[in-house]
Amino acid sequence: MKQNDLLDRTFYFGVNVLKFLRTLPKESEYNIIKYQLGKSATSVGANYEESQAASSQADFKNKVRISLKEARETNYWLRVIMELSESKSEELEKLIKESVELKNILGAIIIKLNN
């Protein structure tokens, strides 16, 4: 995978999560989840985007590490929604799968940088 592919992938992941948030119920318990999920999902791509202009390898690694943390948080909130949902959502399942894949990719980048 080329880095530009990952830039696109993290960007569209954030956009797709924001679109998904529009479909969630209006009940109050979802308000915090929507806010937190919107922040973390868009932060994955924003921090990876920032990593591309890093001033050093340490700066690059730090930005990728932040992206990984945000991907982990995003995965958490998506799983919370899955547990709250009364019906299966194909879109939600796709987002969870993508969050896991992004976690794995970002984690692999960090591991490679540590070697």
PDB file of N, CA and C in Angstrom:
ATOM      1  N   MET A   1       0.845  -1.183   0.000  1.00  0.00           N
ATOM      2  CA  MET A   1       0.000   0.000   0.000  1.00  0.00           C
ATOM      3  C   MET A   1       0.883   1.238   0.000  1.00  0.00           C
ATOM      4  N   LYS A   2       0.608   2.142  -0.908  1.00  0.00           N
ATOM      5  CA  LYS A   2       1.331   3.401  -0.939  1.00  0.00           C
ATOM      6  C   LYS A   2       0.769   4.325   0.142  1.00  0.00           C
ATOM      7  N   GLN A   3       1.628   5.231   0.620  1.00  0.00           N
ATOM      8  CA  GLN A   3       1.173   6.141   1.674  1.00  0.00           C
ATOM      9  C   GLN A   3      -0.002   6.994   1.216  1.00  0.00           C
ATOM     10  N   ASN A   4      -0.020   7.398  -0.056  1.00  0.00           N
ATOM     11  CA  ASN A   4      -1.146   8.198  -0.529  1.00  0.00           C
ATOM     12  C   ASN A   4      -2.448   7.417  -0.457  1.00  0.00           C
ATOM     13  N   ASP A   5      -2.361   6.094  -0.664  1.00  0.00           N
ATOM     14  CA  ASP A   5      -3.557   5.262  -0.508  1.00  0.00           C
ATOM     15  C   ASP A   5      -4.072   5.338   0.926  1.00  0.00           C
ATOM     16  N   LEU A   6      -3.155   5.332   1.882  1.00  0.00           N
ATOM     17  CA  LEU A   6      -3.554   5.405   3.287  1.00  0.00           C
ATOM     18  C   LEU A   6      -4.107   6.791   3.616  1.00  0.00           C
ATOM     19  N   LEU A   7      -3.567   7.828   3.000  1.00  0.00           N
ATOM     20  CA  LEU A   7      -4.134   9.176   3.185  1.00  0.00           C
ATOM     21  C   LEU A   7      -5.587   9.188   2.723  1.00  0.00           C
ATOM     22  N   ASP A   8      -5.838   8.646   1.545  1.00  0.00           N
ATOM     23  CA  ASP A   8      -7.213   8.595   1.026  1.00  0.00           C
ATOM     24  C   ASP A   8      -8.098   7.728   1.914  1.00  0.00           C
ATOM     25  N   ARG A   9      -7.567   6.621   2.317  1.00  0.00           N
ATOM     26  CA  ARG A   9      -8.353   5.670   3.109  1.00  0.00           C
ATOM     27  C   ARG A   9      -8.750   6.265   4.453  1.00  0.00           C
ATOM     28  N   THR A  10      -7.823   6.926   5.135  1.00  0.00           N
ATOM     29  CA  THR A  10      -8.148   7.535   6.427  1.00  0.00           C
ATOM     30  C   THR A  10      -9.098   8.716   6.256  1.00  0.00           C
ATOM     31  N   PHE A  11      -8.928   9.468   5.155  1.00  0.00           N
ATOM     32  CA  PHE A  11      -9.822  10.598   4.872  1.00  0.00           C
ATOM     33  C   PHE A  11     -11.260  10.087   4.682  1.00  0.00           C
ATOM     34  N   TYR A  12     -11.427   9.111   3.800  1.00  0.00           N
ATOM     35  CA  TYR A  12     -12.775   8.621   3.511  1.00  0.00           C
ATOM     36  C   TYR A  12     -13.377   7.853   4.678  1.00  0.00           C
ATOM     37  N   PHE A  13     -12.538   7.267   5.508  1.00  0.00           N
ATOM     38  CA  PHE A  13     -13.046   6.628   6.721  1.00  0.00           C
ATOM     39  C   PHE A  13     -13.728   7.676   7.593  1.00  0.00           C
ATOM     40  N   GLY A  14     -13.057   8.803   7.823  1.00  0.00           N
ATOM     41  CA  GLY A  14     -13.642   9.880   8.618  1.00  0.00           C
ATOM     42  C   GLY A  14     -14.939  10.397   8.014  1.00  0.00           C
ATOM     43  N   VAL A  15     -14.944  10.610   6.705  1.00  0.00           N
ATOM     44  CA  VAL A  15     -16.144  11.093   6.011  1.00  0.00           C
ATOM     45  C   VAL A  15     -17.280  10.076   6.144  1.00  0.00           C
ATOM     46  N   ASN A  16     -16.964   8.807   5.951  1.00  0.00           N
ATOM     47  CA  ASN A  16     -18.006   7.776   6.033  1.00  0.00           C
ATOM     48  C   ASN A  16     -18.575   7.640   7.440  1.00  0.00           C
ATOM     49  N   VAL A  17     -17.732   7.821   8.448  1.00  0.00           N
ATOM     50  CA  VAL A  17     -18.243   7.792   9.824  1.00  0.00           C
ATOM     51  C   VAL A  17     -19.175   8.980  10.050  1.00  0.00           C
ATOM     52  N   LEU A  18     -18.791  10.163   9.579  1.00  0.00           N
ATOM     53  CA  LEU A  18     -19.662  11.332   9.748  1.00  0.00           C
ATOM     54  C   LEU A  18     -21.004  11.125   9.058  1.00  0.00           C
ATOM     55  N   LYS A  19     -20.996  10.541   7.881  1.00  0.00           N
ATOM     56  CA  LYS A  19     -22.258  10.243   7.184  1.00  0.00           C
ATOM     57  C   LYS A  19     -23.088   9.230   7.977  1.00  0.00           C
ATOM     58  N   PHE A  20     -22.409   8.233   8.538  1.00  0.00           N
ATOM     59  CA  PHE A  20     -23.104   7.231   9.342  1.00  0.00           C
ATOM     60  C   PHE A  20     -23.754   7.868  10.570  1.00  0.00           C
ATOM     61  N   LEU A  21     -23.075   8.828  11.182  1.00  0.00           N
ATOM     62  CA  LEU A  21     -23.610   9.485  12.382  1.00  0.00           C
ATOM     63  C   LEU A  21     -24.970  10.120  12.123  1.00  0.00           C
ATOM     64  N   ARG A  22     -25.203  10.566  10.894  1.00  0.00           N
ATOM     65  CA  ARG A  22     -26.490  11.168  10.531  1.00  0.00           C
ATOM     66  C   ARG A  22     -27.640  10.185  10.652  1.00  0.00           C
ATOM     67  N   THR A  23     -27.322   8.896  10.598  1.00  0.00           N
ATOM     68  CA  THR A  23     -28.372   7.871  10.605  1.00  0.00           C
ATOM     69  C   THR A  23     -28.715   7.382  12.005  1.00  0.00           C
ATOM     70  N   LEU A  24     -27.958   7.805  12.991  1.00  0.00           N
ATOM     71  CA  LEU A  24     -28.185   7.307  14.352  1.00  0.00           C
ATOM     72  C   LEU A  24     -29.428   7.940  14.972  1.00  0.00           C
ATOM     73  N   PRO A  25     -30.034   7.223  15.906  1.00  0.00           N
ATOM     74  CA  PRO A  25     -31.232   7.747  16.579  1.00  0.00           C
ATOM     75  C   PRO A  25     -30.944   9.072  17.299  1.00  0.00           C
ATOM     76  N   LYS A  26     -31.990   9.794  17.565  1.00  0.00           N
ATOM     77  CA  LYS A  26     -31.879  11.101  18.220  1.00  0.00           C
ATOM     78  C   LYS A  26     -31.897  11.011  19.747  1.00  0.00           C
ATOM     79  N   GLU A  27     -31.947   9.799  20.301  1.00  0.00           N
ATOM     80  CA  GLU A  27     -31.995   9.646  21.753  1.00  0.00           C
ATOM     81  C   GLU A  27     -30.745  10.248  22.405  1.00  0.00           C
ATOM     82  N   SER A  28     -30.918  10.723  23.632  1.00  0.00           N
ATOM     83  CA  SER A  28     -29.854  11.454  24.317  1.00  0.00           C
ATOM     84  C   SER A  28     -28.584  10.634  24.534  1.00  0.00           C
ATOM     85  N   GLU A  29     -28.711   9.321  24.744  1.00  0.00           N
ATOM     86  CA  GLU A  29     -27.499   8.536  25.002  1.00  0.00           C
ATOM     87  C   GLU A  29     -26.567   8.500  23.790  1.00  0.00           C
ATOM     88  N   TYR A  30     -27.090   8.798  22.623  1.00  0.00           N
ATOM     89  CA  TYR A  30     -26.255   8.808  21.425  1.00  0.00           C
ATOM     90  C   TYR A  30     -25.497  10.133  21.242  1.00  0.00           C
ATOM     91  N   ASN A  31     -25.908  11.175  21.942  1.00  0.00           N
ATOM     92  CA  ASN A  31     -25.274  12.481  21.740  1.00  0.00           C
ATOM     93  C   ASN A  31     -23.780  12.461  22.059  1.00  0.00           C
ATOM     94  N   ILE A  32     -23.418  11.910  23.193  1.00  0.00           N
ATOM     95  CA  ILE A  32     -22.002  11.835  23.568  1.00  0.00           C
ATOM     96  C   ILE A  32     -21.257  10.951  22.586  1.00  0.00           C
ATOM     97  N   ILE A  33     -21.854   9.833  22.232  1.00  0.00           N
ATOM     98  CA  ILE A  33     -21.212   8.901  21.305  1.00  0.00           C
ATOM     99  C   ILE A  33     -20.965   9.585  19.958  1.00  0.00           C
ATOM    100  N   LYS A  34     -21.972  10.275  19.454  1.00  0.00           N
ATOM    101  CA  LYS A  34     -21.829  10.961  18.161  1.00  0.00           C
ATOM    102  C   LYS A  34     -20.684  11.963  18.205  1.00  0.00           C
ATOM    103  N   TYR A  35     -20.618  12.736  19.268  1.00  0.00           N
ATOM    104  CA  TYR A  35     -19.575  13.754  19.402  1.00  0.00           C
ATOM    105  C   TYR A  35     -18.196  13.103  19.458  1.00  0.00           C
ATOM    106  N   GLN A  36     -18.038  12.131  20.340  1.00  0.00           N
ATOM    107  CA  GLN A  36     -16.745  11.469  20.520  1.00  0.00           C
ATOM    108  C   GLN A  36     -16.324  10.719  19.258  1.00  0.00           C
ATOM    109  N   LEU A  37     -17.270  10.020  18.648  1.00  0.00           N
ATOM    110  CA  LEU A  37     -16.970   9.244  17.451  1.00  0.00           C
ATOM    111  C   LEU A  37     -16.602  10.153  16.280  1.00  0.00           C
ATOM    112  N   GLY A  38     -17.318  11.244  16.129  1.00  0.00           N
ATOM    113  CA  GLY A  38     -16.988  12.193  15.058  1.00  0.00           C
ATOM    114  C   GLY A  38     -15.590  12.763  15.217  1.00  0.00           C
ATOM    115  N   LYS A  39     -15.232  13.085  16.450  1.00  0.00           N
ATOM    116  CA  LYS A  39     -13.894  13.623  16.719  1.00  0.00           C
ATOM    117  C   LYS A  39     -12.807  12.597  16.453  1.00  0.00           C
ATOM    118  N   SER A  40     -12.973  11.398  16.991  1.00  0.00           N
ATOM    119  CA  SER A  40     -11.906  10.400  16.859  1.00  0.00           C
ATOM    120  C   SER A  40     -11.762   9.913  15.418  1.00  0.00           C
ATOM    121  N   ALA A  41     -12.871   9.704  14.721  1.00  0.00           N
ATOM    122  CA  ALA A  41     -12.806   9.180  13.354  1.00  0.00           C
ATOM    123  C   ALA A  41     -12.125  10.154  12.404  1.00  0.00           C
ATOM    124  N   THR A  42     -12.413  11.439  12.557  1.00  0.00           N
ATOM    125  CA  THR A  42     -11.767  12.424  11.680  1.00  0.00           C
ATOM    126  C   THR A  42     -10.328  12.683  12.104  1.00  0.00           C
ATOM    127  N   SER A  43     -10.026  12.457  13.358  1.00  0.00           N
ATOM    128  CA  SER A  43      -8.671  12.662  13.850  1.00  0.00           C
ATOM    129  C   SER A  43      -7.698  11.611  13.316  1.00  0.00           C
ATOM    130  N   VAL A  44      -8.186  10.429  12.985  1.00  0.00           N
ATOM    131  CA  VAL A  44      -7.322   9.390  12.408  1.00  0.00           C
ATOM    132  C   VAL A  44      -6.652   9.947  11.153  1.00  0.00           C
ATOM    133  N   GLY A  45      -7.469  10.455  10.241  1.00  0.00           N
ATOM    134  CA  GLY A  45      -6.945  10.992   8.991  1.00  0.00           C
ATOM    135  C   GLY A  45      -6.205  12.298   9.162  1.00  0.00           C
ATOM    136  N   ALA A  46      -6.697  13.155  10.044  1.00  0.00           N
ATOM    137  CA  ALA A  46      -6.046  14.452  10.240  1.00  0.00           C
ATOM    138  C   ALA A  46      -4.620  14.277  10.763  1.00  0.00           C
ATOM    139  N   ASN A  47      -4.433  13.378  11.703  1.00  0.00           N
ATOM    140  CA  ASN A  47      -3.088  13.154  12.244  1.00  0.00           C
ATOM    141  C   ASN A  47      -2.191  12.429  11.248  1.00  0.00           C
ATOM    142  N   TYR A  48      -2.763  11.521  10.473  1.00  0.00           N
ATOM    143  CA  TYR A  48      -1.937  10.878   9.455  1.00  0.00           C
ATOM    144  C   TYR A  48      -1.540  11.889   8.387  1.00  0.00           C
ATOM    145  N   GLU A  49      -2.450  12.779   8.045  1.00  0.00           N
ATOM    146  CA  GLU A  49      -2.142  13.861   7.093  1.00  0.00           C
ATOM    147  C   GLU A  49      -1.004  14.717   7.640  1.00  0.00           C
ATOM    148  N   GLU A  50      -1.071  15.082   8.905  1.00  0.00           N
ATOM    149  CA  GLU A  50      -0.008  15.870   9.529  1.00  0.00           C
ATOM    150  C   GLU A  50       1.326  15.138   9.507  1.00  0.00           C
ATOM    151  N   SER A  51       1.289  13.823   9.637  1.00  0.00           N
ATOM    152  CA  SER A  51       2.532  13.041   9.663  1.00  0.00           C
ATOM    153  C   SER A  51       3.313  13.187   8.357  1.00  0.00           C
ATOM    154  N   GLN A  52       2.616  13.496   7.287  1.00  0.00           N
ATOM    155  CA  GLN A  52       3.269  13.611   5.988  1.00  0.00           C
ATOM    156  C   GLN A  52       4.173  14.842   5.897  1.00  0.00           C
ATOM    157  N   ALA A  53       3.995  15.782   6.795  1.00  0.00           N
ATOM    158  CA  ALA A  53       4.834  16.983   6.831  1.00  0.00           C
ATOM    159  C   ALA A  53       5.668  17.021   8.105  1.00  0.00           C
ATOM    160  N   ALA A  54       5.945  15.852   8.645  1.00  0.00           N
ATOM    161  CA  ALA A  54       6.691  15.769   9.906  1.00  0.00           C
ATOM    162  C   ALA A  54       8.088  16.365   9.740  1.00  0.00           C
ATOM    163  N   SER A  55       8.564  16.968  10.818  1.00  0.00           N
ATOM    164  CA  SER A  55       9.879  17.615  10.800  1.00  0.00           C
ATOM    165  C   SER A  55      11.004  16.630  11.077  1.00  0.00           C
ATOM    166  N   SER A  56      10.660  15.431  11.543  1.00  0.00           N
ATOM    167  CA  SER A  56      11.669  14.415  11.843  1.00  0.00           C
ATOM    168  C   SER A  56      10.989  13.054  11.869  1.00  0.00           C
ATOM    169  N   GLN A  57      11.798  12.010  11.938  1.00  0.00           N
ATOM    170  CA  GLN A  57      11.204  10.662  12.033  1.00  0.00           C
ATOM    171  C   GLN A  57      10.457  10.513  13.356  1.00  0.00           C
ATOM    172  N   ALA A  58      10.973  11.125  14.414  1.00  0.00           N
ATOM    173  CA  ALA A  58      10.290  11.056  15.715  1.00  0.00           C
ATOM    174  C   ALA A  58       8.932  11.754  15.641  1.00  0.00           C
ATOM    175  N   ASP A  59       8.879  12.894  14.947  1.00  0.00           N
ATOM    176  CA  ASP A  59       7.621  13.616  14.773  1.00  0.00           C
ATOM    177  C   ASP A  59       6.645  12.769  13.957  1.00  0.00           C
ATOM    178  N   PHE A  60       7.149  12.148  12.886  1.00  0.00           N
ATOM    179  CA  PHE A  60       6.321  11.278  12.048  1.00  0.00           C
ATOM    180  C   PHE A  60       5.740  10.139  12.886  1.00  0.00           C
ATOM    181  N   LYS A  61       6.601   9.499  13.652  1.00  0.00           N
ATOM    182  CA  LYS A  61       6.169   8.368  14.479  1.00  0.00           C
ATOM    183  C   LYS A  61       5.122   8.813  15.499  1.00  0.00           C
ATOM    184  N   ASN A  62       5.309   9.974  16.077  1.00  0.00           N
ATOM    185  CA  ASN A  62       4.351  10.489  17.054  1.00  0.00           C
ATOM    186  C   ASN A  62       2.978  10.726  16.416  1.00  0.00           C
ATOM    187  N   LYS A  63       2.956  11.309  15.231  1.00  0.00           N
ATOM    188  CA  LYS A  63       1.673  11.569  14.550  1.00  0.00           C
ATOM    189  C   LYS A  63       0.982  10.262  14.172  1.00  0.00           C
ATOM    190  N   VAL A  64       1.767   9.284  13.707  1.00  0.00           N
ATOM    191  CA  VAL A  64       1.178   7.989  13.371  1.00  0.00           C
ATOM    192  C   VAL A  64       0.654   7.315  14.635  1.00  0.00           C
ATOM    193  N   ARG A  65       1.398   7.447  15.727  1.00  0.00           N
ATOM    194  CA  ARG A  65       0.954   6.866  17.005  1.00  0.00           C
ATOM    195  C   ARG A  65      -0.373   7.494  17.442  1.00  0.00           C
ATOM    196  N   ILE A  66      -0.517   8.804  17.273  1.00  0.00           N
ATOM    197  CA  ILE A  66      -1.780   9.472  17.612  1.00  0.00           C
ATOM    198  C   ILE A  66      -2.904   8.951  16.717  1.00  0.00           C
ATOM    199  N   SER A  67      -2.615   8.780  15.422  1.00  0.00           N
ATOM    200  CA  SER A  67      -3.620   8.220  14.509  1.00  0.00           C
ATOM    201  C   SER A  67      -4.074   6.847  14.979  1.00  0.00           C
ATOM    202  N   LEU A  68      -3.126   6.034  15.419  1.00  0.00           N
ATOM    203  CA  LEU A  68      -3.459   4.701  15.918  1.00  0.00           C
ATOM    204  C   LEU A  68      -4.346   4.795  17.161  1.00  0.00           C
ATOM    205  N   LYS A  69      -4.005   5.677  18.084  1.00  0.00           N
ATOM    206  CA  LYS A  69      -4.832   5.842  19.286  1.00  0.00           C
ATOM    207  C   LYS A  69      -6.252   6.260  18.919  1.00  0.00           C
ATOM    208  N   GLU A  70      -6.364   7.172  17.961  1.00  0.00           N
ATOM    209  CA  GLU A  70      -7.685   7.634  17.532  1.00  0.00           C
ATOM    210  C   GLU A  70      -8.455   6.526  16.820  1.00  0.00           C
ATOM    211  N   ALA A  71      -7.748   5.699  16.054  1.00  0.00           N
ATOM    212  CA  ALA A  71      -8.409   4.564  15.390  1.00  0.00           C
ATOM    213  C   ALA A  71      -8.937   3.580  16.429  1.00  0.00           C
ATOM    214  N   ARG A  72      -8.157   3.375  17.491  1.00  0.00           N
ATOM    215  CA  ARG A  72      -8.594   2.478  18.562  1.00  0.00           C
ATOM    216  C   ARG A  72      -9.844   3.045  19.250  1.00  0.00           C
ATOM    217  N   GLU A  73      -9.844   4.342  19.508  1.00  0.00           N
ATOM    218  CA  GLU A  73     -11.009   4.963  20.141  1.00  0.00           C
ATOM    219  C   GLU A  73     -12.230   4.869  19.230  1.00  0.00           C
ATOM    220  N   THR A  74     -12.016   5.110  17.952  1.00  0.00           N
ATOM    221  CA  THR A  74     -13.112   5.029  16.989  1.00  0.00           C
ATOM    222  C   THR A  74     -13.710   3.631  16.977  1.00  0.00           C
ATOM    223  N   ASN A  75     -12.846   2.633  16.962  1.00  0.00           N
ATOM    224  CA  ASN A  75     -13.309   1.247  17.000  1.00  0.00           C
ATOM    225  C   ASN A  75     -14.146   0.993  18.252  1.00  0.00           C
ATOM    226  N   TYR A  76     -13.710   1.534  19.369  1.00  0.00           N
ATOM    227  CA  TYR A  76     -14.454   1.379  20.632  1.00  0.00           C
ATOM    228  C   TYR A  76     -15.870   1.938  20.495  1.00  0.00           C
ATOM    229  N   TRP A  77     -16.005   3.180  20.022  1.00  0.00           N
ATOM    230  CA  TRP A  77     -17.325   3.805  19.918  1.00  0.00           C
ATOM    231  C   TRP A  77     -18.211   3.074  18.915  1.00  0.00           C
ATOM    232  N   LEU A  78     -17.613   2.598  17.817  1.00  0.00           N
ATOM    233  CA  LEU A  78     -18.404   1.838  16.847  1.00  0.00           C
ATOM    234  C   LEU A  78     -18.931   0.553  17.466  1.00  0.00           C
ATOM    235  N   ARG A  79     -18.131  -0.099  18.300  1.00  0.00           N
ATOM    236  CA  ARG A  79     -18.571  -1.319  18.969  1.00  0.00           C
ATOM    237  C   ARG A  79     -19.663  -1.015  20.003  1.00  0.00           C
ATOM    238  N   VAL A  80     -19.565   0.133  20.663  1.00  0.00           N
ATOM    239  CA  VAL A  80     -20.628   0.538  21.598  1.00  0.00           C
ATOM    240  C   VAL A  80     -21.943   0.685  20.832  1.00  0.00           C
ATOM    241  N   ILE A  81     -21.892   1.342  19.688  1.00  0.00           N
ATOM    242  CA  ILE A  81     -23.105   1.509  18.872  1.00  0.00           C
ATOM    243  C   ILE A  81     -23.654   0.150  18.454  1.00  0.00           C
ATOM    244  N   MET A  82     -22.753  -0.757  18.081  1.00  0.00           N
ATOM    245  CA  MET A  82     -23.190  -2.098  17.677  1.00  0.00           C
ATOM    246  C   MET A  82     -23.953  -2.773  18.823  1.00  0.00           C
ATOM    247  N   GLU A  83     -23.470  -2.620  20.039  1.00  0.00           N
ATOM    248  CA  GLU A  83     -24.137  -3.228  21.195  1.00  0.00           C
ATOM    249  C   GLU A  83     -25.477  -2.559  21.495  1.00  0.00           C
ATOM    250  N   LEU A  84     -25.577  -1.268  21.246  1.00  0.00           N
ATOM    251  CA  LEU A  84     -26.825  -0.549  21.501  1.00  0.00           C
ATOM    252  C   LEU A  84     -27.875  -0.787  20.417  1.00  0.00           C
ATOM    253  N   SER A  85     -27.415  -1.150  19.236  1.00  0.00           N
ATOM    254  CA  SER A  85     -28.311  -1.296  18.091  1.00  0.00           C
ATOM    255  C   SER A  85     -29.192  -2.521  18.238  1.00  0.00           C
ATOM    256  N   GLU A  86     -30.428  -2.335  17.837  1.00  0.00           N
ATOM    257  CA  GLU A  86     -31.372  -3.440  17.885  1.00  0.00           C
ATOM    258  C   GLU A  86     -31.387  -4.225  16.586  1.00  0.00           C
ATOM    259  N   SER A  87     -30.830  -3.639  15.545  1.00  0.00           N
ATOM    260  CA  SER A  87     -30.777  -4.335  14.261  1.00  0.00           C
ATOM    261  C   SER A  87     -29.365  -4.243  13.689  1.00  0.00           C
ATOM    262  N   LYS A  88     -29.011  -5.215  12.890  1.00  0.00           N
ATOM    263  CA  LYS A  88     -27.696  -5.245  12.265  1.00  0.00           C
ATOM    264  C   LYS A  88     -27.630  -4.178  11.175  1.00  0.00           C
ATOM    265  N   SER A  89     -26.530  -3.477  11.142  1.00  0.00           N
ATOM    266  CA  SER A  89     -26.316  -2.465  10.114  1.00  0.00           C
ATOM    267  C   SER A  89     -25.094  -2.866   9.303  1.00  0.00           C
ATOM    268  N   GLU A  90     -25.309  -3.058   8.011  1.00  0.00           N
ATOM    269  CA  GLU A  90     -24.198  -3.416   7.125  1.00  0.00           C
ATOM    270  C   GLU A  90     -23.148  -2.308   7.116  1.00  0.00           C
ATOM    271  N   GLU A  91     -23.595  -1.058   7.135  1.00  0.00           N
ATOM    272  CA  GLU A  91     -22.654   0.067   7.135  1.00  0.00           C
ATOM    273  C   GLU A  91     -21.825   0.077   8.410  1.00  0.00           C
ATOM    274  N   LEU A  92     -22.457  -0.160   9.538  1.00  0.00           N
ATOM    275  CA  LEU A  92     -21.734  -0.200  10.806  1.00  0.00           C
ATOM    276  C   LEU A  92     -20.707  -1.329  10.800  1.00  0.00           C
ATOM    277  N   GLU A  93     -21.085  -2.486  10.303  1.00  0.00           N
ATOM    278  CA  GLU A  93     -20.144  -3.606  10.233  1.00  0.00           C
ATOM    279  C   GLU A  93     -18.955  -3.268   9.338  1.00  0.00           C
ATOM    280  N   LYS A  94     -19.197  -2.579   8.218  1.00  0.00           N
ATOM    281  CA  LYS A  94     -18.107  -2.164   7.327  1.00  0.00           C
ATOM    282  C   LYS A  94     -17.178  -1.178   8.022  1.00  0.00           C
ATOM    283  N   LEU A  95     -17.744  -0.244   8.783  1.00  0.00           N
ATOM    284  CA  LEU A  95     -16.927   0.738   9.497  1.00  0.00           C
ATOM    285  C   LEU A  95     -16.083   0.082  10.583  1.00  0.00           C
ATOM    286  N   ILE A  96     -16.658  -0.871  11.285  1.00  0.00           N
ATOM    287  CA  ILE A  96     -15.888  -1.592  12.309  1.00  0.00           C
ATOM    288  C   ILE A  96     -14.735  -2.349  11.650  1.00  0.00           C
ATOM    289  N   LYS A  97     -15.022  -3.024  10.552  1.00  0.00           N
ATOM    290  CA  LYS A  97     -13.978  -3.769   9.831  1.00  0.00           C
ATOM    291  C   LYS A  97     -12.870  -2.823   9.379  1.00  0.00           C
ATOM    292  N   GLU A  98     -13.254  -1.681   8.826  1.00  0.00           N
ATOM    293  CA  GLU A  98     -12.249  -0.716   8.358  1.00  0.00           C
ATOM    294  C   GLU A  98     -11.444  -0.161   9.527  1.00  0.00           C
ATOM    295  N   SER A  99     -12.086   0.072  10.662  1.00  0.00           N
ATOM    296  CA  SER A  99     -11.347   0.583  11.821  1.00  0.00           C
ATOM    297  C   SER A  99     -10.309  -0.431  12.290  1.00  0.00           C
ATOM    298  N   VAL A 100     -10.652  -1.701  12.250  1.00  0.00           N
ATOM    299  CA  VAL A 100      -9.700  -2.749  12.628  1.00  0.00           C
ATOM    300  C   VAL A 100      -8.541  -2.782  11.636  1.00  0.00           C
ATOM    301  N   GLU A 101      -8.850  -2.698  10.359  1.00  0.00           N
ATOM    302  CA  GLU A 101      -7.791  -2.714   9.341  1.00  0.00           C
ATOM    303  C   GLU A 101      -6.871  -1.501   9.484  1.00  0.00           C
ATOM    304  N   LEU A 102      -7.441  -0.345   9.733  1.00  0.00           N
ATOM    305  CA  LEU A 102      -6.612   0.857   9.926  1.00  0.00           C
ATOM    306  C   LEU A 102      -5.741   0.727  11.171  1.00  0.00           C
ATOM    307  N   LYS A 103      -6.291   0.169  12.241  1.00  0.00           N
ATOM    308  CA  LYS A 103      -5.485  -0.074  13.451  1.00  0.00           C
ATOM    309  C   LYS A 103      -4.305  -0.975  13.122  1.00  0.00           C
ATOM    310  N   ASN A 104      -4.547  -2.020  12.364  1.00  0.00           N
ATOM    311  CA  ASN A 104      -3.483  -2.951  12.010  1.00  0.00           C
ATOM    312  C   ASN A 104      -2.411  -2.298  11.137  1.00  0.00           C
ATOM    313  N   ILE A 105      -2.837  -1.501  10.175  1.00  0.00           N
ATOM    314  CA  ILE A 105      -1.889  -0.831   9.278  1.00  0.00           C
ATOM    315  C   ILE A 105      -1.047   0.178  10.048  1.00  0.00           C
ATOM    316  N   LEU A 106      -1.703   1.005  10.831  1.00  0.00           N
ATOM    317  CA  LEU A 106      -0.970   2.033  11.591  1.00  0.00           C
ATOM    318  C   LEU A 106      -0.039   1.389  12.612  1.00  0.00           C
ATOM    319  N   GLY A 107      -0.503   0.330  13.244  1.00  0.00           N
ATOM    320  CA  GLY A 107       0.344  -0.411  14.187  1.00  0.00           C
ATOM    321  C   GLY A 107       1.566  -0.999  13.500  1.00  0.00           C
ATOM    322  N   ALA A 108       1.378  -1.521  12.286  1.00  0.00           N
ATOM    323  CA  ALA A 108       2.496  -2.095  11.534  1.00  0.00           C
ATOM    324  C   ALA A 108       3.514  -1.017  11.162  1.00  0.00           C
ATOM    325  N   ILE A 109       3.044   0.175  10.843  1.00  0.00           N
ATOM    326  CA  ILE A 109       3.966   1.285  10.526  1.00  0.00           C
ATOM    327  C   ILE A 109       4.819   1.600  11.746  1.00  0.00           C
ATOM    328  N   ILE A 110       4.180   1.672  12.903  1.00  0.00           N
ATOM    329  CA  ILE A 110       4.920   1.979  14.138  1.00  0.00           C
ATOM    330  C   ILE A 110       5.943   0.884  14.450  1.00  0.00           C
ATOM    331  N   ILE A 111       5.529  -0.361  14.312  1.00  0.00           N
ATOM    332  CA  ILE A 111       6.453  -1.470  14.559  1.00  0.00           C
ATOM    333  C   ILE A 111       7.652  -1.389  13.614  1.00  0.00           C
ATOM    334  N   LYS A 112       7.366  -1.115  12.346  1.00  0.00           N
ATOM    335  CA  LYS A 112       8.451  -1.010  11.359  1.00  0.00           C
ATOM    336  C   LYS A 112       9.410   0.135  11.705  1.00  0.00           C
ATOM    337  N   LEU A 113       8.872   1.234  12.179  1.00  0.00           N
ATOM    338  CA  LEU A 113       9.718   2.378  12.570  1.00  0.00           C
ATOM    339  C   LEU A 113      10.564   2.080  13.790  1.00  0.00           C
ATOM    340  N   ASN A 114      10.094   1.163  14.630  1.00  0.00           N
ATOM    341  CA  ASN A 114      10.852   0.795  15.847  1.00  0.00           C
ATOM    342  C   ASN A 114      11.989  -0.163  15.556  1.00  0.00           C
ATOM    343  N   ASN A 115      11.993  -0.780  14.377  1.00  0.00           N
ATOM    344  CA  ASN A 115      13.051  -1.744  14.039  1.00  0.00           C
ATOM    345  C   ASN A 115      14.228  -1.088  13.361  1.00  0.00           C
TER     346      ASN A 115
END
